[in-house]
Amino acid sequence: MKIALVIFGLVISIPCLALAQDRHSPYAGQEKREIKALSQEDIEGYLTGQGMGFAKTAELNHYPGPKHVLELAGKLDLEKVQIDQTKEAYNRMHKGAVSLGTTIVEKEGFLDHLFASGRIDAEKLRKITLEIGTLQGELRAVHLRAHLEMRRILTPHQIQRYDELRGYEDAGGEQKHRGHHGGHH
């Protein structure tokens, strides 16, 4: 019986020893970042107006994105007017995204500076995090609005084809084109 208890104790303690040795935080190494909360990839995404998943809810619910529509223009059989309208939608989105993204990076840098310098307090924290949150919401809206515009520009068939080309499994679904207002036929 004592031997069984000793073995049981060893079996239980092995995972605990492994956990004790693995004390590295998932943040280890990130303390060297220029802006601690943002990876270099995040910064580049914000500064260049990349989608960064902000419009995923639209994209995966059959609201195509202008950038990908332009990439697939030939396979979607877009008319010239549709290409022109898509370029305009993309340019509006991109300009707004770069502007907001640049401001977000600046605000995140300022927040990081306040913490690094020890000059942060509850009021400053509340103010800047609300500003960043509002900017992120505006940025997401800029991306989502562009997807809304594409529903006006494309036909239901082009939207279905887009979904197929992008590899979305329910591209033939019935519900997806609800709310389609117009488009070119």
Protein backbone atom coordinates (compact mmCIF):
# COMPACT_ATOMS: atom_id res chain seq x y z
CA MET A 1 0.00 0.00 0.00
CA LYS A 2 2.82 2.42 0.89
CA ILE A 3 4.53 1.69 -2.43
CA ALA A 4 1.29 2.48 -4.29
CA LEU A 5 1.01 5.82 -2.44
CA VAL A 6 4.62 6.71 -3.24
CA ILE A 7 4.09 5.88 -6.93
CA PHE A 8 0.83 7.83 -6.94
CA GLY A 9 2.62 10.80 -5.34
CA LEU A 10 5.36 10.70 -7.96
CA VAL A 11 2.87 10.45 -10.81
CA ILE A 12 1.00 13.48 -9.51
CA SER A 13 4.13 15.53 -8.86
CA ILE A 14 5.68 15.10 -12.34
CA PRO A 15 3.20 17.46 -14.08
CA CYS A 16 3.58 19.93 -11.21
CA LEU A 17 7.36 19.93 -11.64
CA ALA A 18 6.95 20.50 -15.35
CA LEU A 19 4.65 23.44 -14.69
CA ALA A 20 7.06 24.88 -12.14
CA GLN A 21 9.87 24.80 -14.70
CA ASP A 22 7.72 26.43 -17.42
CA ARG A 23 7.25 29.85 -15.84
CA HIS A 24 7.74 31.89 -18.98
CA SER A 25 4.89 34.24 -19.70
CA PRO A 26 3.34 34.16 -23.15
CA TYR A 27 4.43 37.82 -23.22
CA ALA A 28 8.13 36.95 -22.80
CA GLY A 29 10.15 38.86 -25.41
CA GLN A 30 7.38 41.36 -26.08
CA GLU A 31 8.83 43.79 -23.53
CA LYS A 32 11.31 44.74 -26.25
CA ARG A 33 8.61 45.97 -28.62
CA GLU A 34 8.45 49.65 -29.44
CA ILE A 35 4.74 49.62 -28.53
CA LYS A 36 4.23 46.74 -26.14
CA ALA A 37 0.57 46.07 -27.01
CA LEU A 38 1.16 45.91 -30.78
CA SER A 39 3.24 43.48 -32.79
CA GLN A 40 5.14 44.78 -35.80
CA GLU A 41 2.54 43.01 -37.94
CA ASP A 42 -0.27 44.88 -36.10
CA ILE A 43 1.48 48.22 -36.61
CA GLU A 44 2.01 47.56 -40.32
CA GLY A 45 -1.61 46.45 -40.67
CA TYR A 46 -2.91 49.64 -39.08
CA LEU A 47 -0.57 51.93 -40.99
CA THR A 48 -1.29 50.35 -44.38
CA GLY A 49 -5.06 50.01 -43.99
CA GLN A 50 -5.16 46.22 -44.04
CA GLY A 51 -8.38 44.44 -43.14
CA MET A 52 -6.97 42.66 -40.07
CA GLY A 53 -10.22 40.72 -39.70
CA PHE A 54 -12.30 43.82 -38.97
CA ALA A 55 -14.88 42.91 -41.62
CA LYS A 56 -14.93 39.16 -41.04
CA THR A 57 -18.60 39.22 -40.04
CA ALA A 58 -19.48 40.78 -43.40
CA GLU A 59 -17.11 38.65 -45.46
CA LEU A 60 -18.40 35.39 -44.01
CA ASN A 61 -22.04 36.44 -44.36
CA HIS A 62 -21.89 37.03 -48.11
CA TYR A 63 -20.87 40.69 -48.19
CA PRO A 64 -17.76 40.72 -50.41
CA GLY A 65 -14.83 43.01 -49.78
CA PRO A 66 -13.74 45.46 -52.46
CA LYS A 67 -10.07 44.47 -52.41
CA HIS A 68 -10.86 40.83 -53.11
CA VAL A 69 -13.55 41.74 -55.64
CA LEU A 70 -10.93 43.67 -57.60
CA GLU A 71 -8.52 40.73 -57.38
CA LEU A 72 -11.27 38.45 -58.76
CA ALA A 73 -12.75 40.95 -61.25
CA GLY A 74 -12.13 38.76 -64.30
CA LYS A 75 -13.56 35.62 -62.73
CA LEU A 76 -16.60 37.59 -61.54
CA ASP A 77 -17.25 39.03 -65.02
CA LEU A 78 -17.48 42.57 -63.67
CA GLU A 79 -18.69 45.30 -65.98
CA LYS A 80 -16.54 48.44 -66.28
CA VAL A 81 -18.97 50.45 -64.16
CA GLN A 82 -18.77 47.80 -61.43
CA ILE A 83 -14.98 47.90 -61.51
CA ASP A 84 -15.01 51.70 -61.25
CA GLN A 85 -17.49 51.65 -58.36
CA THR A 86 -15.48 48.94 -56.58
CA LYS A 87 -12.27 50.95 -56.97
CA GLU A 88 -14.03 53.99 -55.49
CA ALA A 89 -15.33 51.92 -52.56
CA TYR A 90 -11.87 50.46 -51.98
CA ASN A 91 -10.15 53.86 -52.15
CA ARG A 92 -12.62 55.38 -49.65
CA MET A 93 -12.16 52.44 -47.32
CA HIS A 94 -8.38 52.42 -47.65
CA LYS A 95 -8.02 56.17 -47.07
CA GLY A 96 -10.21 56.03 -43.97
CA ALA A 97 -8.50 52.90 -42.66
CA VAL A 98 -4.99 54.33 -43.04
CA SER A 99 -6.00 57.57 -41.31
CA LEU A 100 -7.69 55.82 -38.39
CA GLY A 101 -5.00 53.13 -38.17
CA THR A 102 -2.27 55.75 -37.96
CA THR A 103 -4.10 57.48 -35.12
CA ILE A 104 -4.59 54.16 -33.29
CA VAL A 105 -0.86 53.42 -33.49
CA GLU A 106 -0.08 56.91 -32.18
CA LYS A 107 -2.53 56.54 -29.27
CA GLU A 108 -1.20 53.06 -28.42
CA GLY A 109 2.32 54.51 -28.45
CA PHE A 110 1.24 57.30 -26.11
CA LEU A 111 -0.44 54.80 -23.76
CA ASP A 112 2.73 52.72 -23.75
CA HIS A 113 4.79 55.86 -23.03
CA LEU A 114 2.53 56.78 -20.09
CA PHE A 115 3.05 53.36 -18.54
CA ALA A 116 6.80 53.27 -19.29
CA SER A 117 7.34 56.71 -17.78
CA GLY A 118 5.17 56.03 -14.74
CA ARG A 119 2.95 59.02 -15.63
CA ILE A 120 -0.27 57.01 -15.99
CA ASP A 121 -3.18 57.47 -13.62
CA ALA A 122 -6.78 56.25 -13.61
CA GLU A 123 -8.17 59.31 -15.40
CA LYS A 124 -5.55 59.29 -18.16
CA LEU A 125 -6.04 55.55 -18.54
CA ARG A 126 -9.81 55.92 -18.88
CA LYS A 127 -9.51 58.75 -21.39
CA ILE A 128 -6.97 57.16 -23.72
CA THR A 129 -8.49 53.67 -23.67
CA LEU A 130 -11.88 55.16 -24.54
CA GLU A 131 -10.25 57.07 -27.41
CA ILE A 132 -8.54 53.92 -28.69
CA GLY A 133 -11.74 51.89 -28.38
CA THR A 134 -13.72 54.51 -30.28
CA LEU A 135 -11.09 54.65 -33.03
CA GLN A 136 -11.08 50.86 -33.34
CA GLY A 137 -14.88 50.90 -33.65
CA GLU A 138 -14.69 53.58 -36.34
CA LEU A 139 -12.02 51.60 -38.18
CA ARG A 140 -14.16 48.48 -38.13
CA ALA A 141 -17.13 50.48 -39.42
CA VAL A 142 -15.01 51.83 -42.31
CA HIS A 143 -14.19 48.28 -43.39
CA LEU A 144 -17.75 47.00 -42.90
CA ARG A 145 -19.26 49.92 -44.85
CA ALA A 146 -17.14 48.99 -47.86
CA HIS A 147 -18.57 45.47 -47.73
CA LEU A 148 -22.08 46.93 -47.58
CA GLU A 149 -21.33 48.96 -50.69
CA MET A 150 -20.30 45.84 -52.56
CA ARG A 151 -23.77 44.33 -52.06
CA ARG A 152 -25.16 47.31 -53.99
CA ILE A 153 -22.59 46.99 -56.76
CA LEU A 154 -22.57 43.24 -57.39
CA THR A 155 -25.37 40.99 -58.61
CA PRO A 156 -26.54 38.05 -56.49
CA HIS A 157 -24.85 35.68 -58.95
CA GLN A 158 -21.53 37.57 -58.63
CA ILE A 159 -21.78 37.41 -54.84
CA GLN A 160 -22.38 33.67 -55.00
CA ARG A 161 -19.43 33.26 -57.37
CA TYR A 162 -17.25 35.40 -55.08
CA ASP A 163 -18.10 33.14 -52.14
CA GLU A 164 -17.25 30.07 -54.20
CA LEU A 165 -13.94 31.56 -55.35
CA ARG A 166 -13.06 32.49 -51.77
CA GLY A 167 -13.76 28.91 -50.65
CA TYR A 168 -16.78 29.53 -48.44
CA GLU A 169 -18.66 26.27 -48.09
CA ASP A 170 -22.25 27.53 -47.98
CA ALA A 171 -21.85 29.58 -51.15
CA GLY A 172 -25.03 28.03 -52.56
CA GLY A 173 -27.14 28.85 -49.50
CA GLU A 174 -30.61 30.38 -49.83
CA GLN A 175 -30.43 32.93 -47.02
CA LYS A 176 -27.34 34.81 -48.07
CA HIS A 177 -28.70 37.33 -50.52
CA ARG A 178 -31.39 38.76 -48.29
CA GLY A 179 -31.12 42.49 -48.30
CA HIS A 180 -29.49 42.74 -51.72
CA HIS A 181 -30.62 46.08 -53.08
CA GLY A 182 -29.99 46.42 -56.75
CA GLY A 183 -26.71 45.72 -58.38
CA HIS A 184 -26.19 45.36 -62.10
CA HIS A 185 -28.15 42.65 -63.89
